[in-house]
């Protein structure tokens, strides 16, 4: 089992960059990891997911080329580097983990963090 805690959110301007972190209490190194986001009144939206070793990664079209997921398995931490932020990137960002990448991509992961708020101001 793992417990996930996101950090790094904040208020930024359009075009700015931000890096989110997802720190795990357990051995995140054995799990696929992903990021999702949600705004009030909308369903949670898939952002990106990667395998335990980071070799296979899948991005939503809306963030491709701007966001990068990475992980440091020695620290049991995953990251989401976000560049060229837009107002539509404003959301509560969640980290998710599961032994199966497919469940991460589907949004049915066993483990979720509480989220970190990203607000992009124009």
N, C-alpha and C. Protein backbone atom coordinates (compact mmCIF):
# COMPACT_ATOMS: atom_id res chain seq x y z
N UNK A 1 0.83 -1.20 0.00
CA UNK A 1 0.00 0.00 0.00
C UNK A 1 0.87 1.25 0.00
N UNK A 2 0.30 2.33 -0.56
CA UNK A 2 0.98 3.62 -0.53
C UNK A 2 -0.03 4.70 -0.16
N UNK A 3 0.49 5.72 0.46
CA UNK A 3 -0.28 6.95 0.66
C UNK A 3 0.42 8.03 -0.14
N UNK A 4 -0.37 8.84 -0.83
CA UNK A 4 0.16 9.83 -1.75
C UNK A 4 -0.14 11.23 -1.25
N UNK A 5 0.83 12.10 -1.42
CA UNK A 5 0.63 13.50 -1.03
C UNK A 5 1.21 14.40 -2.10
N UNK A 6 0.34 15.20 -2.69
CA UNK A 6 0.76 16.14 -3.71
C UNK A 6 1.19 17.46 -3.07
N UNK A 7 2.07 18.14 -3.77
CA UNK A 7 2.48 19.48 -3.35
C UNK A 7 2.97 20.24 -4.57
N UNK A 8 3.15 21.53 -4.39
CA UNK A 8 3.72 22.34 -5.46
C UNK A 8 2.74 23.20 -6.21
N UNK A 9 1.45 23.06 -5.90
CA UNK A 9 0.47 23.89 -6.58
C UNK A 9 0.57 25.34 -6.16
N UNK A 10 -0.14 26.19 -6.88
CA UNK A 10 -0.12 27.59 -6.53
C UNK A 10 -0.79 28.44 -7.58
N UNK A 11 -0.65 29.75 -7.41
CA UNK A 11 -1.19 30.73 -8.35
C UNK A 11 -0.07 31.23 -9.23
N UNK A 12 -0.25 31.06 -10.53
CA UNK A 12 0.77 31.49 -11.49
C UNK A 12 0.11 32.29 -12.60
N UNK A 13 0.95 32.89 -13.44
CA UNK A 13 0.46 33.67 -14.58
C UNK A 13 0.49 32.81 -15.84
N UNK A 14 -0.26 33.23 -16.82
CA UNK A 14 -0.25 32.55 -18.11
C UNK A 14 1.18 32.51 -18.65
N UNK A 15 1.57 31.33 -19.12
CA UNK A 15 2.90 31.16 -19.67
C UNK A 15 3.94 30.72 -18.67
N UNK A 16 3.59 30.75 -17.40
CA UNK A 16 4.53 30.34 -16.36
C UNK A 16 4.69 28.82 -16.32
N UNK A 17 5.65 28.40 -15.53
CA UNK A 17 5.90 26.98 -15.29
C UNK A 17 5.69 26.67 -13.82
N UNK A 18 5.41 25.38 -13.57
CA UNK A 18 5.18 24.92 -12.21
C UNK A 18 5.52 23.44 -12.16
N UNK A 19 6.07 23.00 -11.04
CA UNK A 19 6.35 21.58 -10.89
C UNK A 19 5.60 21.04 -9.68
N UNK A 20 4.78 20.04 -9.92
CA UNK A 20 4.06 19.36 -8.85
C UNK A 20 4.84 18.12 -8.42
N UNK A 21 4.72 17.80 -7.16
CA UNK A 21 5.35 16.59 -6.62
C UNK A 21 4.29 15.68 -6.03
N UNK A 22 4.56 14.41 -6.10
CA UNK A 22 3.69 13.39 -5.50
C UNK A 22 4.60 12.48 -4.69
N UNK A 23 4.58 12.67 -3.39
CA UNK A 23 5.43 11.88 -2.51
C UNK A 23 4.62 10.73 -1.91
N UNK A 24 5.23 9.56 -1.91
CA UNK A 24 4.54 8.37 -1.40
C UNK A 24 5.13 7.92 -0.08
N UNK A 25 4.25 7.38 0.75
CA UNK A 25 4.71 6.86 2.03
C UNK A 25 5.26 5.46 1.89
N UNK A 26 4.83 4.79 0.81
CA UNK A 26 5.30 3.42 0.60
C UNK A 26 6.21 3.33 -0.61
N UNK A 27 6.33 2.13 -1.14
CA UNK A 27 7.24 1.90 -2.25
C UNK A 27 6.57 2.24 -3.58
N UNK A 28 6.54 3.52 -3.89
CA UNK A 28 5.93 3.96 -5.14
C UNK A 28 6.64 3.37 -6.34
N UNK A 29 7.88 2.99 -6.15
CA UNK A 29 8.70 2.46 -7.23
C UNK A 29 8.09 1.22 -7.88
N UNK A 30 7.17 0.57 -7.22
CA UNK A 30 6.58 -0.63 -7.79
C UNK A 30 5.23 -0.38 -8.46
N UNK A 31 4.83 0.89 -8.53
CA UNK A 31 3.52 1.25 -9.06
C UNK A 31 3.62 2.11 -10.32
N UNK A 32 2.65 1.93 -11.19
CA UNK A 32 2.42 2.92 -12.24
C UNK A 32 1.84 4.17 -11.58
N UNK A 33 2.14 5.32 -12.15
CA UNK A 33 1.73 6.59 -11.55
C UNK A 33 1.10 7.47 -12.61
N UNK A 34 0.13 8.25 -12.19
CA UNK A 34 -0.48 9.19 -13.12
C UNK A 34 -0.91 10.46 -12.43
N UNK A 35 -1.28 11.43 -13.26
CA UNK A 35 -1.83 12.69 -12.77
C UNK A 35 -3.18 12.93 -13.44
N UNK A 36 -4.09 13.41 -12.66
CA UNK A 36 -5.42 13.79 -13.13
C UNK A 36 -5.70 15.20 -12.63
N UNK A 37 -6.72 15.82 -13.22
CA UNK A 37 -7.13 17.13 -12.74
C UNK A 37 -8.63 17.25 -12.80
N UNK A 38 -9.15 18.14 -11.97
CA UNK A 38 -10.60 18.30 -11.89
C UNK A 38 -10.94 19.74 -11.55
N UNK A 39 -11.94 20.25 -12.23
CA UNK A 39 -12.50 21.57 -11.92
C UNK A 39 -13.92 21.38 -11.43
N UNK A 40 -14.43 22.34 -10.66
CA UNK A 40 -15.77 22.19 -10.09
C UNK A 40 -16.83 21.93 -11.15
N UNK A 41 -17.65 20.93 -10.91
CA UNK A 41 -18.74 20.64 -11.81
C UNK A 41 -18.38 19.77 -12.99
N UNK A 42 -17.11 19.38 -13.07
CA UNK A 42 -16.66 18.54 -14.19
C UNK A 42 -16.07 17.23 -13.68
N UNK A 43 -16.05 16.25 -14.56
CA UNK A 43 -15.43 14.97 -14.22
C UNK A 43 -13.92 15.13 -14.12
N UNK A 44 -13.33 14.23 -13.37
CA UNK A 44 -11.88 14.21 -13.27
C UNK A 44 -11.30 13.87 -14.64
N UNK A 45 -10.26 14.58 -15.04
CA UNK A 45 -9.69 14.46 -16.38
C UNK A 45 -8.30 13.85 -16.32
N UNK A 46 -8.06 12.89 -17.16
CA UNK A 46 -6.74 12.27 -17.27
C UNK A 46 -5.74 13.28 -17.83
N UNK A 47 -4.54 13.31 -17.24
CA UNK A 47 -3.48 14.20 -17.71
C UNK A 47 -2.32 13.38 -18.28
N UNK A 48 -1.82 12.46 -17.49
CA UNK A 48 -0.65 11.68 -17.91
C UNK A 48 -0.51 10.47 -17.00
N UNK A 49 0.09 9.41 -17.54
CA UNK A 49 0.40 8.22 -16.74
C UNK A 49 1.69 7.60 -17.24
N UNK A 50 2.38 6.95 -16.34
CA UNK A 50 3.63 6.30 -16.72
C UNK A 50 3.81 5.00 -15.95
N UNK A 51 4.59 4.11 -16.52
CA UNK A 51 4.88 2.83 -15.90
C UNK A 51 5.82 2.99 -14.70
N UNK A 52 6.01 1.92 -13.97
CA UNK A 52 6.83 1.98 -12.76
C UNK A 52 8.25 2.43 -13.06
N UNK A 53 8.72 2.13 -14.27
CA UNK A 53 10.09 2.47 -14.64
C UNK A 53 10.16 3.71 -15.51
N UNK A 54 9.02 4.30 -15.80
CA UNK A 54 9.00 5.52 -16.60
C UNK A 54 9.24 5.32 -18.07
N UNK A 55 9.28 4.07 -18.53
CA UNK A 55 9.62 3.82 -19.94
C UNK A 55 8.44 4.00 -20.88
N UNK A 56 7.25 3.80 -20.40
CA UNK A 56 6.05 4.02 -21.21
C UNK A 56 5.23 5.13 -20.57
N UNK A 57 4.91 6.13 -21.36
CA UNK A 57 4.20 7.29 -20.84
C UNK A 57 3.11 7.69 -21.82
N UNK A 58 1.98 8.09 -21.27
CA UNK A 58 0.83 8.48 -22.08
C UNK A 58 0.34 9.85 -21.60
N UNK A 59 0.16 10.77 -22.55
CA UNK A 59 -0.27 12.12 -22.23
C UNK A 59 -1.62 12.40 -22.87
N UNK A 60 -2.40 13.21 -22.20
CA UNK A 60 -3.59 13.76 -22.81
C UNK A 60 -3.15 14.75 -23.89
N UNK A 61 -3.92 14.82 -24.96
CA UNK A 61 -3.57 15.73 -26.07
C UNK A 61 -3.48 17.18 -25.59
N UNK A 62 -4.28 17.52 -24.61
CA UNK A 62 -4.34 18.91 -24.15
C UNK A 62 -3.05 19.37 -23.47
N UNK A 63 -2.22 18.42 -23.03
CA UNK A 63 -1.00 18.81 -22.32
C UNK A 63 0.27 18.34 -23.03
N UNK A 64 0.09 17.59 -24.10
CA UNK A 64 1.26 17.04 -24.80
C UNK A 64 2.16 18.16 -25.29
N UNK A 65 3.43 18.02 -25.01
CA UNK A 65 4.39 19.04 -25.41
C UNK A 65 4.60 20.13 -24.39
N UNK A 66 3.71 20.20 -23.40
CA UNK A 66 3.83 21.23 -22.36
C UNK A 66 4.11 20.63 -20.98
N UNK A 67 3.57 19.46 -20.72
CA UNK A 67 3.72 18.80 -19.43
C UNK A 67 4.63 17.58 -19.58
N UNK A 68 5.39 17.31 -18.52
CA UNK A 68 6.27 16.14 -18.50
C UNK A 68 6.17 15.45 -17.14
N UNK A 69 5.92 14.17 -17.18
CA UNK A 69 5.92 13.39 -15.95
C UNK A 69 7.30 12.76 -15.78
N UNK A 70 7.73 12.70 -14.55
CA UNK A 70 8.99 12.01 -14.24
C UNK A 70 8.85 11.38 -12.86
N UNK A 71 9.80 10.56 -12.53
CA UNK A 71 9.75 9.93 -11.22
C UNK A 71 11.17 9.64 -10.74
N UNK A 72 11.32 9.71 -9.45
CA UNK A 72 12.58 9.34 -8.82
C UNK A 72 12.26 8.20 -7.87
N UNK A 73 12.50 7.00 -8.32
CA UNK A 73 12.13 5.84 -7.53
C UNK A 73 12.99 5.67 -6.28
N UNK A 74 14.12 6.32 -6.24
CA UNK A 74 14.92 6.26 -5.02
C UNK A 74 14.28 7.10 -3.91
N UNK A 75 13.43 8.04 -4.31
CA UNK A 75 12.73 8.88 -3.34
C UNK A 75 11.25 8.57 -3.26
N UNK A 76 10.80 7.57 -4.07
CA UNK A 76 9.38 7.24 -4.10
C UNK A 76 8.53 8.48 -4.35
N UNK A 77 8.95 9.24 -5.33
CA UNK A 77 8.30 10.51 -5.65
C UNK A 77 8.14 10.63 -7.16
N UNK A 78 6.99 11.14 -7.55
CA UNK A 78 6.73 11.44 -8.96
C UNK A 78 6.54 12.95 -9.10
N UNK A 79 6.76 13.43 -10.31
CA UNK A 79 6.68 14.85 -10.56
C UNK A 79 5.86 15.11 -11.81
N UNK A 80 5.29 16.30 -11.86
CA UNK A 80 4.64 16.78 -13.07
C UNK A 80 5.17 18.18 -13.34
N UNK A 81 6.01 18.28 -14.35
CA UNK A 81 6.55 19.57 -14.76
C UNK A 81 5.61 20.16 -15.80
N UNK A 82 5.16 21.36 -15.52
CA UNK A 82 4.19 22.01 -16.40
C UNK A 82 4.78 23.31 -16.93
N UNK A 83 4.76 23.46 -18.23
CA UNK A 83 5.24 24.67 -18.88
C UNK A 83 4.11 25.31 -19.67
N UNK A 84 4.32 26.56 -20.03
CA UNK A 84 3.38 27.30 -20.88
C UNK A 84 1.95 27.16 -20.37
N UNK A 85 1.78 27.40 -19.11
CA UNK A 85 0.47 27.19 -18.49
C UNK A 85 -0.57 28.14 -19.05
N UNK A 86 -1.79 27.61 -19.15
CA UNK A 86 -2.91 28.34 -19.70
C UNK A 86 -4.02 28.43 -18.64
N UNK A 87 -4.94 29.36 -18.79
CA UNK A 87 -6.05 29.44 -17.83
C UNK A 87 -6.83 28.13 -17.74
N UNK A 88 -6.95 27.42 -18.86
CA UNK A 88 -7.70 26.16 -18.85
C UNK A 88 -6.97 25.03 -18.12
N UNK A 89 -5.74 25.26 -17.71
CA UNK A 89 -5.03 24.28 -16.88
C UNK A 89 -5.39 24.43 -15.40
N UNK A 90 -6.13 25.47 -15.08
CA UNK A 90 -6.56 25.67 -13.70
C UNK A 90 -7.42 24.51 -13.24
N UNK A 91 -7.02 23.86 -12.14
CA UNK A 91 -7.73 22.69 -11.65
C UNK A 91 -7.08 22.21 -10.35
N UNK A 92 -7.76 21.30 -9.72
CA UNK A 92 -7.17 20.55 -8.61
C UNK A 92 -6.49 19.33 -9.22
N UNK A 93 -5.20 19.19 -8.98
CA UNK A 93 -4.41 18.13 -9.58
C UNK A 93 -4.19 17.01 -8.59
N UNK A 94 -4.50 15.79 -9.04
CA UNK A 94 -4.39 14.61 -8.21
C UNK A 94 -3.32 13.67 -8.76
N UNK A 95 -2.62 13.05 -7.85
CA UNK A 95 -1.71 11.98 -8.18
C UNK A 95 -2.42 10.65 -7.91
N UNK A 96 -2.15 9.66 -8.77
CA UNK A 96 -2.77 8.34 -8.62
C UNK A 96 -1.72 7.27 -8.84
N UNK A 97 -1.90 6.13 -8.18
CA UNK A 97 -0.96 5.02 -8.33
C UNK A 97 -1.70 3.70 -8.30
N UNK A 98 -1.17 2.76 -9.06
CA UNK A 98 -1.75 1.43 -9.09
C UNK A 98 -0.71 0.48 -9.65
N UNK A 99 -0.84 -0.78 -9.34
CA UNK A 99 0.11 -1.77 -9.89
C UNK A 99 -0.11 -1.93 -11.39
N UNK A 100 -1.30 -1.60 -11.87
CA UNK A 100 -1.60 -1.74 -13.29
C UNK A 100 -1.73 -0.39 -13.96
N UNK A 101 -0.94 -0.18 -15.00
CA UNK A 101 -0.98 1.08 -15.74
C UNK A 101 -2.37 1.33 -16.31
N UNK A 102 -3.00 0.29 -16.77
CA UNK A 102 -4.33 0.44 -17.35
C UNK A 102 -5.33 1.06 -16.38
N UNK A 103 -5.24 0.68 -15.14
CA UNK A 103 -6.17 1.25 -14.14
C UNK A 103 -5.81 2.70 -13.86
N UNK A 104 -4.55 3.02 -13.89
CA UNK A 104 -4.18 4.44 -13.73
C UNK A 104 -4.76 5.26 -14.87
N UNK A 105 -4.57 4.80 -16.09
CA UNK A 105 -5.07 5.53 -17.26
C UNK A 105 -6.59 5.65 -17.24
N UNK A 106 -7.25 4.64 -16.72
CA UNK A 106 -8.71 4.63 -16.69
C UNK A 106 -9.28 5.44 -15.54
N UNK A 107 -8.43 5.87 -14.64
CA UNK A 107 -8.91 6.63 -13.49
C UNK A 107 -9.49 5.77 -12.39
N UNK A 108 -9.12 4.51 -12.39
CA UNK A 108 -9.65 3.60 -11.37
C UNK A 108 -8.55 3.06 -10.46
N UNK A 109 -7.54 3.90 -10.26
CA UNK A 109 -6.42 3.50 -9.41
C UNK A 109 -6.87 3.19 -7.99
N UNK A 110 -6.10 2.34 -7.37
CA UNK A 110 -6.38 2.02 -5.98
C UNK A 110 -6.02 3.17 -5.04
N UNK A 111 -5.02 3.97 -5.42
CA UNK A 111 -4.50 4.98 -4.51
C UNK A 111 -4.53 6.37 -5.14
N UNK A 112 -4.99 7.32 -4.31
CA UNK A 112 -5.12 8.71 -4.76
C UNK A 112 -4.64 9.63 -3.65
N UNK A 113 -4.07 10.76 -4.08
CA UNK A 113 -3.77 11.80 -3.12
C UNK A 113 -4.97 12.71 -2.93
N UNK A 114 -4.77 13.75 -2.12
CA UNK A 114 -5.85 14.68 -1.82
C UNK A 114 -5.92 15.83 -2.80
N UNK A 115 -4.88 16.01 -3.58
CA UNK A 115 -4.89 17.04 -4.60
C UNK A 115 -4.14 18.30 -4.20
N UNK A 116 -3.67 19.02 -5.21
CA UNK A 116 -3.03 20.31 -5.02
C UNK A 116 -3.59 21.26 -6.08
N UNK A 117 -3.94 22.44 -5.66
CA UNK A 117 -4.62 23.39 -6.54
C UNK A 117 -3.63 24.16 -7.40
N UNK A 118 -3.92 24.20 -8.68
CA UNK A 118 -3.15 25.02 -9.62
C UNK A 118 -4.12 26.05 -10.22
N UNK A 119 -3.77 27.30 -10.11
CA UNK A 119 -4.59 28.36 -10.66
C UNK A 119 -3.72 29.20 -11.59
N UNK A 120 -4.17 29.31 -12.83
CA UNK A 120 -3.43 30.08 -13.82
C UNK A 120 -4.22 31.34 -14.13
N UNK A 121 -3.64 32.46 -13.81
CA UNK A 121 -4.33 33.74 -13.96
C UNK A 121 -3.91 34.41 -15.25
N UNK A 122 -4.91 34.99 -15.92
CA UNK A 122 -4.61 35.74 -17.13
C UNK A 122 -4.52 37.23 -16.83
